[in-house]
Each structure stands twice: as C-alpha cells, then as structure tokens.
Amino acid sequence: MHFEIKNISDWQNVVNSILPELKHNILLLKGNLGAGKTTFTQFLLKNLGSEDEVNSPTYSIVNEYKSPKGKIYHFDLYRLKNIDEVYDIGIEEYLDNSFLCIIEWPEVYEDELYGLEYHSMSINNTGESREITFE
C-alpha cells in the first residue's frame, strides 16, 4: 500500500486504510528524523481506542499504552548500538505480552525477526510531502 501525506489530517486516511490490514502484533516504522513516525503512532493509538498521551520514546526507549484490545508498546531503538542492548531491554517479553509492538528505528533488531510475521512501514519525507509504504 502506498500513500502520500500533504497535511496532518491525511494521517487519518492512512490509519483508516492500514487498520483493517493490521494482522500481526509487530509493526516496524522506518523513516528519517522528523518523518512522522510518532505522529502516525498518535493517530493509530487513538483509533485503537487508547486514551493515553502518545510521546516519542526516544529517551525512555519504550512507552507502554493501554487500549481496549490490550497493551501497546512503542519502542525507539535509535540509541541502541547492538543486538545485545535490544535483548537487555527485554524486547522478547514485550513482544510475547502485547496486542501490538510499534518499533521505530528497527534496523538493529530486524534480522532477529526472521521467521516471525510482522508489518513494515516506511515514511519518506520529501520536503513537500511524506511518502508512505505499508507492507
């Protein structure tokens, strides 16, 4: 699926299209700094019925949110240097005990997902818009 975001309200259209396709409990979010990964997450969680305030987990590495469907964990692996640091935060336990895990900057962990089912979303900031690809 491909989308183009030209203004903030377009994120709702993306979420409306993606929600019915969300079949797995892992969603990888890729994109450069300021691309809109956390903005997308805010729209997604609101549509999943969460009333929690959604913030970037840049410093906390993981934020936990409640939703009617279960716990949602929002990771930012940007500052983690290697796979050992990812395992040190207990990522496997989060994955096993969640309705959804949203992982920003997943590259350090992505090879470990071999054999698991997950979704991947890329956000490319072109300067004039954001181009979204969802798999």
N, C-alpha and C. Protein backbone atom coordinates (compact mmCIF):
# COMPACT_ATOMS: atom_id res chain seq x y z
N MET A 1 0.85 -1.17 0.00
CA MET A 1 0.00 0.00 0.00
C MET A 1 0.90 1.24 0.00
N HIS A 2 0.48 2.24 -0.75
CA HIS A 2 1.24 3.48 -0.85
C HIS A 2 0.31 4.66 -0.56
N PHE A 3 0.86 5.64 0.14
CA PHE A 3 0.10 6.84 0.50
C PHE A 3 0.99 8.06 0.35
N GLU A 4 0.36 9.22 0.23
CA GLU A 4 1.08 10.48 0.26
C GLU A 4 0.40 11.38 1.29
N ILE A 5 1.21 11.95 2.17
CA ILE A 5 0.72 12.84 3.22
C ILE A 5 1.11 14.27 2.84
N LYS A 6 0.12 15.13 2.71
CA LYS A 6 0.40 16.54 2.42
C LYS A 6 0.03 17.45 3.58
N ASN A 7 -0.84 16.96 4.48
CA ASN A 7 -1.17 17.74 5.68
C ASN A 7 -1.52 16.77 6.81
N ILE A 8 -1.60 17.29 8.00
CA ILE A 8 -1.75 16.46 9.21
C ILE A 8 -3.00 15.59 9.15
N SER A 9 -4.07 16.09 8.56
CA SER A 9 -5.32 15.31 8.53
C SER A 9 -5.21 14.09 7.61
N ASP A 10 -4.25 14.07 6.70
CA ASP A 10 -4.06 12.91 5.83
C ASP A 10 -3.65 11.66 6.61
N TRP A 11 -3.06 11.84 7.80
CA TRP A 11 -2.66 10.68 8.61
C TRP A 11 -3.87 9.82 8.95
N GLN A 12 -5.03 10.44 9.14
CA GLN A 12 -6.23 9.68 9.47
C GLN A 12 -6.60 8.74 8.32
N ASN A 13 -6.45 9.20 7.09
CA ASN A 13 -6.74 8.34 5.93
C ASN A 13 -5.80 7.15 5.88
N VAL A 14 -4.53 7.37 6.23
CA VAL A 14 -3.55 6.28 6.26
C VAL A 14 -3.97 5.25 7.30
N VAL A 15 -4.30 5.71 8.49
CA VAL A 15 -4.71 4.81 9.57
C VAL A 15 -5.98 4.06 9.18
N ASN A 16 -6.94 4.74 8.59
CA ASN A 16 -8.18 4.08 8.16
C ASN A 16 -7.90 2.94 7.19
N SER A 17 -6.92 3.11 6.33
CA SER A 17 -6.57 2.07 5.35
C SER A 17 -5.75 0.95 5.96
N ILE A 18 -4.88 1.28 6.90
CA ILE A 18 -3.97 0.29 7.48
C ILE A 18 -4.64 -0.57 8.54
N LEU A 19 -5.50 0.00 9.35
CA LEU A 19 -6.11 -0.75 10.46
C LEU A 19 -6.72 -2.09 10.04
N PRO A 20 -7.51 -2.15 8.99
CA PRO A 20 -8.07 -3.46 8.61
C PRO A 20 -7.01 -4.46 8.15
N GLU A 21 -5.84 -3.98 7.77
CA GLU A 21 -4.76 -4.84 7.28
C GLU A 21 -3.80 -5.26 8.39
N LEU A 22 -3.94 -4.72 9.58
CA LEU A 22 -3.03 -4.98 10.69
C LEU A 22 -3.35 -6.35 11.29
N LYS A 23 -2.62 -7.36 10.86
CA LYS A 23 -2.87 -8.74 11.26
C LYS A 23 -1.85 -9.29 12.26
N HIS A 24 -0.70 -8.65 12.37
CA HIS A 24 0.39 -9.13 13.22
C HIS A 24 0.64 -8.14 14.35
N ASN A 25 1.27 -8.62 15.43
CA ASN A 25 1.44 -7.74 16.60
C ASN A 25 2.75 -6.96 16.56
N ILE A 26 3.46 -6.99 15.45
CA ILE A 26 4.69 -6.21 15.32
C ILE A 26 4.56 -5.30 14.11
N LEU A 27 4.85 -4.00 14.33
CA LEU A 27 4.85 -3.02 13.26
C LEU A 27 6.17 -2.27 13.31
N LEU A 28 6.97 -2.42 12.28
CA LEU A 28 8.24 -1.70 12.18
C LEU A 28 7.99 -0.37 11.48
N LEU A 29 8.50 0.72 12.08
CA LEU A 29 8.37 2.05 11.48
C LEU A 29 9.75 2.56 11.10
N LYS A 30 9.93 2.78 9.81
CA LYS A 30 11.21 3.27 9.31
C LYS A 30 11.02 4.66 8.73
N GLY A 31 12.03 5.49 8.91
CA GLY A 31 11.98 6.84 8.36
C GLY A 31 13.01 7.70 9.05
N ASN A 32 13.42 8.76 8.37
CA ASN A 32 14.43 9.64 8.96
C ASN A 32 13.85 10.46 10.11
N LEU A 33 14.71 11.18 10.80
CA LEU A 33 14.26 12.02 11.92
C LEU A 33 13.22 13.01 11.42
N GLY A 34 12.14 13.13 12.16
CA GLY A 34 11.09 14.08 11.82
C GLY A 34 10.18 13.65 10.67
N ALA A 35 10.27 12.39 10.27
CA ALA A 35 9.45 11.91 9.14
C ALA A 35 7.97 11.81 9.50
N GLY A 36 7.67 11.54 10.78
CA GLY A 36 6.27 11.41 11.19
C GLY A 36 5.93 10.09 11.85
N LYS A 37 6.94 9.36 12.29
CA LYS A 37 6.70 8.05 12.91
C LYS A 37 5.84 8.18 14.17
N THR A 38 6.16 9.13 15.03
CA THR A 38 5.39 9.31 16.25
C THR A 38 4.02 9.92 15.95
N THR A 39 3.93 10.79 14.98
CA THR A 39 2.64 11.35 14.60
C THR A 39 1.71 10.24 14.11
N PHE A 40 2.23 9.36 13.27
CA PHE A 40 1.43 8.21 12.83
C PHE A 40 0.98 7.39 14.03
N THR A 41 1.89 7.13 14.97
CA THR A 41 1.57 6.34 16.16
C THR A 41 0.47 6.99 16.97
N GLN A 42 0.49 8.32 17.09
CA GLN A 42 -0.57 9.03 17.81
C GLN A 42 -1.93 8.77 17.17
N PHE A 43 -2.01 8.88 15.86
CA PHE A 43 -3.27 8.64 15.15
C PHE A 43 -3.69 7.18 15.29
N LEU A 44 -2.75 6.26 15.16
CA LEU A 44 -3.06 4.85 15.24
C LEU A 44 -3.63 4.49 16.61
N LEU A 45 -2.97 4.92 17.68
CA LEU A 45 -3.42 4.57 19.03
C LEU A 45 -4.78 5.18 19.34
N LYS A 46 -5.01 6.39 18.89
CA LYS A 46 -6.33 7.00 19.10
C LYS A 46 -7.41 6.14 18.44
N ASN A 47 -7.12 5.65 17.23
CA ASN A 47 -8.09 4.82 16.51
C ASN A 47 -8.22 3.43 17.10
N LEU A 48 -7.25 3.00 17.88
CA LEU A 48 -7.34 1.72 18.58
C LEU A 48 -8.02 1.87 19.94
N GLY A 49 -8.47 3.10 20.25
CA GLY A 49 -9.22 3.34 21.47
C GLY A 49 -8.38 3.70 22.68
N SER A 50 -7.10 3.96 22.48
CA SER A 50 -6.26 4.36 23.61
C SER A 50 -6.53 5.82 23.95
N GLU A 51 -6.63 6.09 25.23
CA GLU A 51 -6.80 7.45 25.69
C GLU A 51 -5.51 8.02 26.27
N ASP A 52 -4.43 7.24 26.19
CA ASP A 52 -3.14 7.67 26.71
C ASP A 52 -2.51 8.72 25.80
N GLU A 53 -1.70 9.59 26.42
CA GLU A 53 -0.94 10.57 25.65
C GLU A 53 0.25 9.86 25.02
N VAL A 54 0.40 9.99 23.72
CA VAL A 54 1.46 9.31 22.99
C VAL A 54 2.62 10.27 22.77
N ASN A 55 3.79 9.86 23.23
CA ASN A 55 5.01 10.64 23.06
C ASN A 55 6.09 9.77 22.45
N SER A 56 7.08 10.40 21.88
CA SER A 56 8.21 9.66 21.34
C SER A 56 8.97 8.98 22.47
N PRO A 57 9.31 7.70 22.32
CA PRO A 57 10.08 7.01 23.35
C PRO A 57 11.59 7.15 23.17
N THR A 58 12.04 8.26 22.58
CA THR A 58 13.45 8.45 22.30
C THR A 58 14.33 8.25 23.53
N TYR A 59 13.94 8.82 24.66
CA TYR A 59 14.79 8.73 25.85
C TYR A 59 14.43 7.56 26.74
N SER A 60 13.17 7.17 26.76
CA SER A 60 12.76 6.05 27.61
C SER A 60 12.97 4.71 26.91
N ILE A 61 13.18 4.71 25.62
CA ILE A 61 13.34 3.56 24.73
C ILE A 61 12.02 2.82 24.50
N VAL A 62 11.18 2.68 25.52
CA VAL A 62 9.88 2.04 25.32
C VAL A 62 8.82 2.75 26.15
N ASN A 63 7.67 3.00 25.53
CA ASN A 63 6.50 3.53 26.21
C ASN A 63 5.40 2.49 26.16
N GLU A 64 4.63 2.42 27.23
CA GLU A 64 3.51 1.48 27.31
C GLU A 64 2.20 2.24 27.27
N TYR A 65 1.26 1.77 26.46
CA TYR A 65 -0.06 2.37 26.35
C TYR A 65 -1.12 1.30 26.55
N LYS A 66 -2.26 1.73 27.04
CA LYS A 66 -3.40 0.82 27.20
C LYS A 66 -4.37 1.06 26.06
N SER A 67 -5.00 -0.03 25.64
CA SER A 67 -6.08 0.07 24.66
C SER A 67 -7.10 -1.00 25.01
N PRO A 68 -8.32 -0.87 24.52
CA PRO A 68 -9.33 -1.89 24.78
C PRO A 68 -8.92 -3.29 24.30
N LYS A 69 -8.02 -3.36 23.32
CA LYS A 69 -7.58 -4.64 22.78
C LYS A 69 -6.38 -5.22 23.52
N GLY A 70 -5.75 -4.43 24.38
CA GLY A 70 -4.59 -4.90 25.13
C GLY A 70 -3.47 -3.87 25.13
N LYS A 71 -2.34 -4.28 25.68
CA LYS A 71 -1.20 -3.38 25.81
C LYS A 71 -0.52 -3.14 24.48
N ILE A 72 -0.11 -1.89 24.30
CA ILE A 72 0.65 -1.49 23.12
C ILE A 72 1.98 -0.94 23.60
N TYR A 73 3.06 -1.44 23.04
CA TYR A 73 4.39 -0.97 23.38
C TYR A 73 4.96 -0.24 22.17
N HIS A 74 5.56 0.92 22.45
CA HIS A 74 6.11 1.79 21.41
C HIS A 74 7.60 1.95 21.70
N PHE A 75 8.42 1.38 20.83
CA PHE A 75 9.88 1.38 21.01
C PHE A 75 10.54 2.39 20.10
N ASP A 76 11.66 2.92 20.56
CA ASP A 76 12.57 3.70 19.73
C ASP A 76 13.96 3.12 19.95
N LEU A 77 14.46 2.37 18.97
CA LEU A 77 15.75 1.69 19.11
C LEU A 77 16.92 2.51 18.56
N TYR A 78 16.69 3.78 18.28
CA TYR A 78 17.69 4.65 17.66
C TYR A 78 19.01 4.68 18.43
N ARG A 79 18.95 4.77 19.74
CA ARG A 79 20.15 4.91 20.55
C ARG A 79 20.82 3.57 20.89
N LEU A 80 20.20 2.46 20.56
CA LEU A 80 20.79 1.16 20.89
C LEU A 80 21.82 0.80 19.82
N LYS A 81 22.98 0.39 20.28
CA LYS A 81 24.12 0.20 19.38
C LYS A 81 24.24 -1.21 18.81
N ASN A 82 23.69 -2.21 19.51
CA ASN A 82 23.84 -3.59 19.03
C ASN A 82 22.68 -4.43 19.56
N ILE A 83 22.63 -5.65 19.06
CA ILE A 83 21.52 -6.56 19.40
C ILE A 83 21.50 -6.91 20.89
N ASP A 84 22.65 -6.96 21.53
CA ASP A 84 22.68 -7.26 22.97
C ASP A 84 21.92 -6.21 23.77
N GLU A 85 22.03 -4.95 23.39
CA GLU A 85 21.30 -3.88 24.08
C GLU A 85 19.79 -4.03 23.88
N VAL A 86 19.40 -4.51 22.71
CA VAL A 86 17.97 -4.73 22.44
C VAL A 86 17.44 -5.84 23.35
N TYR A 87 18.19 -6.92 23.47
CA TYR A 87 17.77 -8.01 24.35
C TYR A 87 17.80 -7.60 25.82
N ASP A 88 18.72 -6.70 26.18
CA ASP A 88 18.82 -6.23 27.57
C ASP A 88 17.56 -5.48 28.01
N ILE A 89 16.84 -4.86 27.08
CA ILE A 89 15.61 -4.16 27.47
C ILE A 89 14.43 -5.12 27.59
N GLY A 90 14.65 -6.39 27.25
CA GLY A 90 13.60 -7.40 27.38
C GLY A 90 12.59 -7.39 26.25
N ILE A 91 13.04 -7.08 25.07
CA ILE A 91 12.11 -6.93 23.95
C ILE A 91 11.28 -8.18 23.70
N GLU A 92 11.85 -9.35 23.89
CA GLU A 92 11.08 -10.58 23.63
C GLU A 92 9.87 -10.71 24.54
N GLU A 93 10.02 -10.30 25.79
CA GLU A 93 8.89 -10.37 26.73
C GLU A 93 7.80 -9.38 26.32
N TYR A 94 8.20 -8.20 25.87
CA TYR A 94 7.22 -7.24 25.38
C TYR A 94 6.46 -7.83 24.18
N LEU A 95 7.19 -8.42 23.25
CA LEU A 95 6.55 -8.98 22.05
C LEU A 95 5.57 -10.09 22.40
N ASP A 96 5.93 -10.88 23.41
CA ASP A 96 5.08 -12.01 23.81
C ASP A 96 3.84 -11.58 24.58
N ASN A 97 3.84 -10.38 25.14
CA ASN A 97 2.76 -9.95 26.04
C ASN A 97 2.08 -8.68 25.57
N SER A 98 1.90 -8.54 24.27
CA SER A 98 1.32 -7.30 23.77
C SER A 98 0.23 -7.58 22.75
N PHE A 99 -0.64 -6.62 22.62
CA PHE A 99 -1.55 -6.60 21.49
C PHE A 99 -0.78 -6.11 20.26
N LEU A 100 0.09 -5.09 20.47
CA LEU A 100 0.84 -4.51 19.37
C LEU A 100 2.15 -3.93 19.89
N CYS A 101 3.23 -4.16 19.15
CA CYS A 101 4.53 -3.53 19.40
C CYS A 101 4.89 -2.71 18.17
N ILE A 102 5.05 -1.42 18.38
CA ILE A 102 5.44 -0.50 17.32
C ILE A 102 6.91 -0.18 17.55
N ILE A 103 7.75 -0.47 16.56
CA ILE A 103 9.20 -0.33 16.75
C ILE A 103 9.76 0.68 15.75
N GLU A 104 10.14 1.86 16.27
CA GLU A 104 10.82 2.85 15.45
C GLU A 104 12.31 2.52 15.41
N TRP A 105 12.95 2.82 14.30
CA TRP A 105 14.38 2.55 14.10
C TRP A 105 14.68 1.07 14.36
N PRO A 106 14.01 0.16 13.66
CA PRO A 106 14.12 -1.27 13.95
C PRO A 106 15.36 -1.96 13.37
N GLU A 107 16.17 -1.24 12.63
CA GLU A 107 17.25 -1.87 11.87
C GLU A 107 18.18 -2.72 12.73
N VAL A 108 18.47 -2.30 13.96
CA VAL A 108 19.38 -3.06 14.83
C VAL A 108 18.79 -4.41 15.24
N TYR A 109 17.48 -4.55 15.13
CA TYR A 109 16.78 -5.75 15.59
C TYR A 109 16.15 -6.56 14.45
N GLU A 110 16.06 -5.99 13.30
CA GLU A 110 15.26 -6.57 12.21
C GLU A 110 15.69 -7.98 11.81
N ASP A 111 16.98 -8.27 11.78
CA ASP A 111 17.43 -9.62 11.42
C ASP A 111 16.93 -10.67 12.39
N GLU A 112 16.69 -10.29 13.64
CA GLU A 112 16.21 -11.23 14.66
C GLU A 112 14.75 -11.62 14.45
N LEU A 113 14.05 -10.90 13.60
CA LEU A 113 12.64 -11.18 13.34
C LEU A 113 12.45 -12.25 12.26
N TYR A 114 13.53 -12.80 11.78
CA TYR A 114 13.45 -13.83 10.75
C TYR A 114 12.52 -14.95 11.22
N GLY A 115 11.56 -15.28 10.38
CA GLY A 115 10.61 -16.34 10.71
C GLY A 115 9.36 -15.84 11.41
N LEU A 116 9.37 -14.61 11.90
CA LEU A 116 8.18 -14.04 12.54
C LEU A 116 7.39 -13.23 11.52
N GLU A 117 6.10 -13.12 11.76
CA GLU A 117 5.28 -12.30 10.89
C GLU A 117 5.17 -10.90 11.48
N TYR A 118 5.35 -9.91 10.63
CA TYR A 118 5.28 -8.52 11.07
C TYR A 118 4.94 -7.63 9.89
N HIS A 119 4.57 -6.40 10.20
CA HIS A 119 4.32 -5.39 9.18
C HIS A 119 5.49 -4.42 9.19
N SER A 120 5.69 -3.78 8.06
CA SER A 120 6.73 -2.78 7.94
C SER A 120 6.15 -1.55 7.25
N MET A 121 6.48 -0.40 7.79
CA MET A 121 6.00 0.86 7.21
C MET A 121 7.19 1.80 7.08
N SER A 122 7.34 2.38 5.90
CA SER A 122 8.41 3.36 5.65
C SER A 122 7.78 4.71 5.39
N ILE A 123 8.37 5.73 5.99
CA ILE A 123 7.91 7.10 5.80
C ILE A 123 9.08 7.90 5.25
N ASN A 124 8.92 8.43 4.06
CA ASN A 124 9.96 9.22 3.43
C ASN A 124 9.52 10.67 3.35
N ASN A 125 10.25 11.56 4.02
CA ASN A 125 9.94 12.99 4.00
C ASN A 125 10.62 13.59 2.77
N THR A 126 9.83 14.00 1.79
CA THR A 126 10.39 14.57 0.57
C THR A 126 10.60 16.07 0.67
N GLY A 127 10.16 16.66 1.77
CA GLY A 127 10.24 18.11 1.93
C GLY A 127 8.88 18.75 1.66
N GLU A 128 8.20 18.29 0.62
CA GLU A 128 6.87 18.79 0.30
C GLU A 128 5.76 17.90 0.83
N SER A 129 6.09 16.62 1.01
CA SER A 129 5.10 15.66 1.49
C SER A 129 5.83 14.49 2.13
N ARG A 130 5.04 13.54 2.60
CA ARG A 130 5.59 12.28 3.11
C ARG A 130 5.04 11.16 2.24
N GLU A 131 5.92 10.30 1.81
CA GLU A 131 5.51 9.14 1.03
C GLU A 131 5.56 7.92 1.95
N ILE A 132 4.45 7.21 2.02
CA ILE A 132 4.28 6.09 2.94
C ILE A 132 4.17 4.80 2.14
N THR A 133 4.89 3.79 2.61
CA THR A 133 4.74 2.44 2.07
C THR A 133 4.45 1.52 3.24
N PHE A 134 3.40 0.71 3.14
CA PHE A 134 3.00 -0.22 4.19
C PHE A 134 2.95 -1.63 3.61
N GLU A 135 3.61 -2.56 4.30
CA GLU A 135 3.59 -3.96 3.88
C GLU A 135 3.07 -4.80 5.01
